[in-house]
């Protein structure tokens, strides 16, 4: 099993690097400063965590091209909600 896990790890690293490069290219084309997306993710999580319990390991927030203009971007979020918080934090 150890042999196979090393193969899968390389594929995951390759895909992860590919996704990071795509993100950098989209941010560059949209003139979005470096680090802004991570800050946005953190802020979104802080606000949502006041109201719902989030499965952070499966959270996916990314920017994607929007329309045909490369300067237009869309923030796309897939945020698995486990349950509503019983009280506001």
C-alpha atoms as a PDB file:
ATOM      1  CA  UNK A   1       0.000   0.000   0.000  1.00  0.00           C
ATOM      2  CA  UNK A   2       2.936   2.357   0.654  1.00  0.00           C
ATOM      3  CA  UNK A   3       4.067   2.056  -2.945  1.00  0.00           C
ATOM      4  CA  UNK A   4       0.665   3.064  -4.303  1.00  0.00           C
ATOM      5  CA  UNK A   5       0.278   5.992  -1.937  1.00  0.00           C
ATOM      6  CA  UNK A   6       3.482   7.537  -3.252  1.00  0.00           C
ATOM      7  CA  UNK A   7       2.118   7.349  -6.794  1.00  0.00           C
ATOM      8  CA  UNK A   8      -1.160   8.969  -5.847  1.00  0.00           C
ATOM      9  CA  UNK A   9       0.626  11.649  -3.867  1.00  0.00           C
ATOM     10  CA  UNK A  10       2.559  12.703  -6.974  1.00  0.00           C
ATOM     11  CA  UNK A  11      -0.656  12.966  -8.975  1.00  0.00           C
ATOM     12  CA  UNK A  12      -2.249  15.057  -6.261  1.00  0.00           C
ATOM     13  CA  UNK A  13       0.795  17.316  -6.109  1.00  0.00           C
ATOM     14  CA  UNK A  14       0.754  17.661  -9.887  1.00  0.00           C
ATOM     15  CA  UNK A  15      -2.934  18.586  -9.906  1.00  0.00           C
ATOM     16  CA  UNK A  16      -2.451  20.952  -6.999  1.00  0.00           C
ATOM     17  CA  UNK A  17       0.391  22.734  -8.800  1.00  0.00           C
ATOM     18  CA  UNK A  18      -1.679  22.925 -11.974  1.00  0.00           C
ATOM     19  CA  UNK A  19      -4.592  24.464 -10.066  1.00  0.00           C
ATOM     20  CA  UNK A  20      -2.313  26.991  -8.353  1.00  0.00           C
ATOM     21  CA  UNK A  21      -0.896  28.033 -11.724  1.00  0.00           C
ATOM     22  CA  UNK A  22      -4.402  28.490 -13.138  1.00  0.00           C
ATOM     23  CA  UNK A  23      -5.301  30.625 -10.139  1.00  0.00           C
ATOM     24  CA  UNK A  24      -2.206  32.791 -10.549  1.00  0.00           C
ATOM     25  CA  UNK A  25      -2.950  33.314 -14.243  1.00  0.00           C
ATOM     26  CA  UNK A  26      -6.572  34.243 -13.565  1.00  0.00           C
ATOM     27  CA  UNK A  27      -5.561  36.622 -10.767  1.00  0.00           C
ATOM     28  CA  UNK A  28      -2.932  38.211 -12.981  1.00  0.00           C
ATOM     29  CA  UNK A  29      -5.343  38.721 -15.872  1.00  0.00           C
ATOM     30  CA  UNK A  30      -7.972  40.137 -13.527  1.00  0.00           C
ATOM     31  CA  UNK A  31      -5.411  42.432 -11.867  1.00  0.00           C
ATOM     32  CA  UNK A  32      -6.193  40.888  -8.456  1.00  0.00           C
ATOM     33  CA  UNK A  33      -3.297  41.402  -6.029  1.00  0.00           C
ATOM     34  CA  UNK A  34      -1.575  38.324  -4.632  1.00  0.00           C
ATOM     35  CA  UNK A  35      -3.037  37.059  -1.383  1.00  0.00           C
ATOM     36  CA  UNK A  36      -6.415  38.726  -1.819  1.00  0.00           C
ATOM     37  CA  UNK A  37      -8.221  35.455  -2.541  1.00  0.00           C
ATOM     38  CA  UNK A  38      -6.850  33.819   0.618  1.00  0.00           C
ATOM     39  CA  UNK A  39      -7.900  36.852   2.665  1.00  0.00           C
ATOM     40  CA  UNK A  40     -11.365  36.707   1.098  1.00  0.00           C
ATOM     41  CA  UNK A  41     -11.655  33.001   1.951  1.00  0.00           C
ATOM     42  CA  UNK A  42     -10.697  33.685   5.559  1.00  0.00           C
ATOM     43  CA  UNK A  43     -13.213  36.523   5.866  1.00  0.00           C
ATOM     44  CA  UNK A  44     -16.007  34.487   4.263  1.00  0.00           C
ATOM     45  CA  UNK A  45     -15.316  31.592   6.643  1.00  0.00           C
ATOM     46  CA  UNK A  46     -15.358  33.883   9.681  1.00  0.00           C
ATOM     47  CA  UNK A  47     -18.746  35.303   8.742  1.00  0.00           C
ATOM     48  CA  UNK A  48     -20.335  31.972   7.803  1.00  0.00           C
ATOM     49  CA  UNK A  49     -18.986  30.307  10.950  1.00  0.00           C
ATOM     50  CA  UNK A  50     -21.174  32.649  12.994  1.00  0.00           C
ATOM     51  CA  UNK A  51     -24.268  31.008  11.531  1.00  0.00           C
ATOM     52  CA  UNK A  52     -23.392  27.489  10.372  1.00  0.00           C
ATOM     53  CA  UNK A  53     -20.898  24.693  10.991  1.00  0.00           C
ATOM     54  CA  UNK A  54     -18.757  24.229   7.882  1.00  0.00           C
ATOM     55  CA  UNK A  55     -16.865  21.145   6.737  1.00  0.00           C
ATOM     56  CA  UNK A  56     -13.606  23.007   6.107  1.00  0.00           C
ATOM     57  CA  UNK A  57     -11.774  20.017   4.630  1.00  0.00           C
ATOM     58  CA  UNK A  58     -14.150  20.011   1.651  1.00  0.00           C
ATOM     59  CA  UNK A  59     -14.416  23.774   1.267  1.00  0.00           C
ATOM     60  CA  UNK A  60     -13.665  25.101  -2.205  1.00  0.00           C
ATOM     61  CA  UNK A  61     -13.610  28.808  -3.029  1.00  0.00           C
ATOM     62  CA  UNK A  62     -12.008  29.890  -6.267  1.00  0.00           C
ATOM     63  CA  UNK A  63     -12.046  32.572  -8.885  1.00  0.00           C
ATOM     64  CA  UNK A  64     -12.933  31.691 -12.439  1.00  0.00           C
ATOM     65  CA  UNK A  65     -13.139  33.580 -15.712  1.00  0.00           C
ATOM     66  CA  UNK A  66     -16.489  35.260 -16.244  1.00  0.00           C
ATOM     67  CA  UNK A  67     -17.811  36.168 -19.649  1.00  0.00           C
ATOM     68  CA  UNK A  68     -15.347  36.586 -22.497  1.00  0.00           C
ATOM     69  CA  UNK A  69     -13.446  39.499 -20.961  1.00  0.00           C
ATOM     70  CA  UNK A  70     -10.361  38.091 -19.169  1.00  0.00           C
ATOM     71  CA  UNK A  71     -10.534  40.950 -16.654  1.00  0.00           C
ATOM     72  CA  UNK A  72     -13.954  39.789 -15.457  1.00  0.00           C
ATOM     73  CA  UNK A  73     -13.893  37.127 -12.777  1.00  0.00           C
ATOM     74  CA  UNK A  74     -16.450  35.261 -10.696  1.00  0.00           C
ATOM     75  CA  UNK A  75     -16.010  34.062  -7.139  1.00  0.00           C
ATOM     76  CA  UNK A  76     -17.322  30.497  -7.016  1.00  0.00           C
ATOM     77  CA  UNK A  77     -17.855  28.851  -3.647  1.00  0.00           C
ATOM     78  CA  UNK A  78     -18.738  25.298  -2.701  1.00  0.00           C
ATOM     79  CA  UNK A  79     -19.120  25.331   1.068  1.00  0.00           C
ATOM     80  CA  UNK A  80     -20.439  22.129   2.668  1.00  0.00           C
ATOM     81  CA  UNK A  81     -22.642  23.050   5.626  1.00  0.00           C
ATOM     82  CA  UNK A  82     -22.872  20.413   8.342  1.00  0.00           C
ATOM     83  CA  UNK A  83     -25.515  22.126  10.465  1.00  0.00           C
ATOM     84  CA  UNK A  84     -26.824  25.480  11.524  1.00  0.00           C
ATOM     85  CA  UNK A  85     -25.250  26.895  14.649  1.00  0.00           C
ATOM     86  CA  UNK A  86     -27.558  26.835  17.638  1.00  0.00           C
ATOM     87  CA  UNK A  87     -26.438  30.304  18.596  1.00  0.00           C
ATOM     88  CA  UNK A  88     -24.702  33.204  17.000  1.00  0.00           C
ATOM     89  CA  UNK A  89     -21.031  33.539  17.998  1.00  0.00           C
END
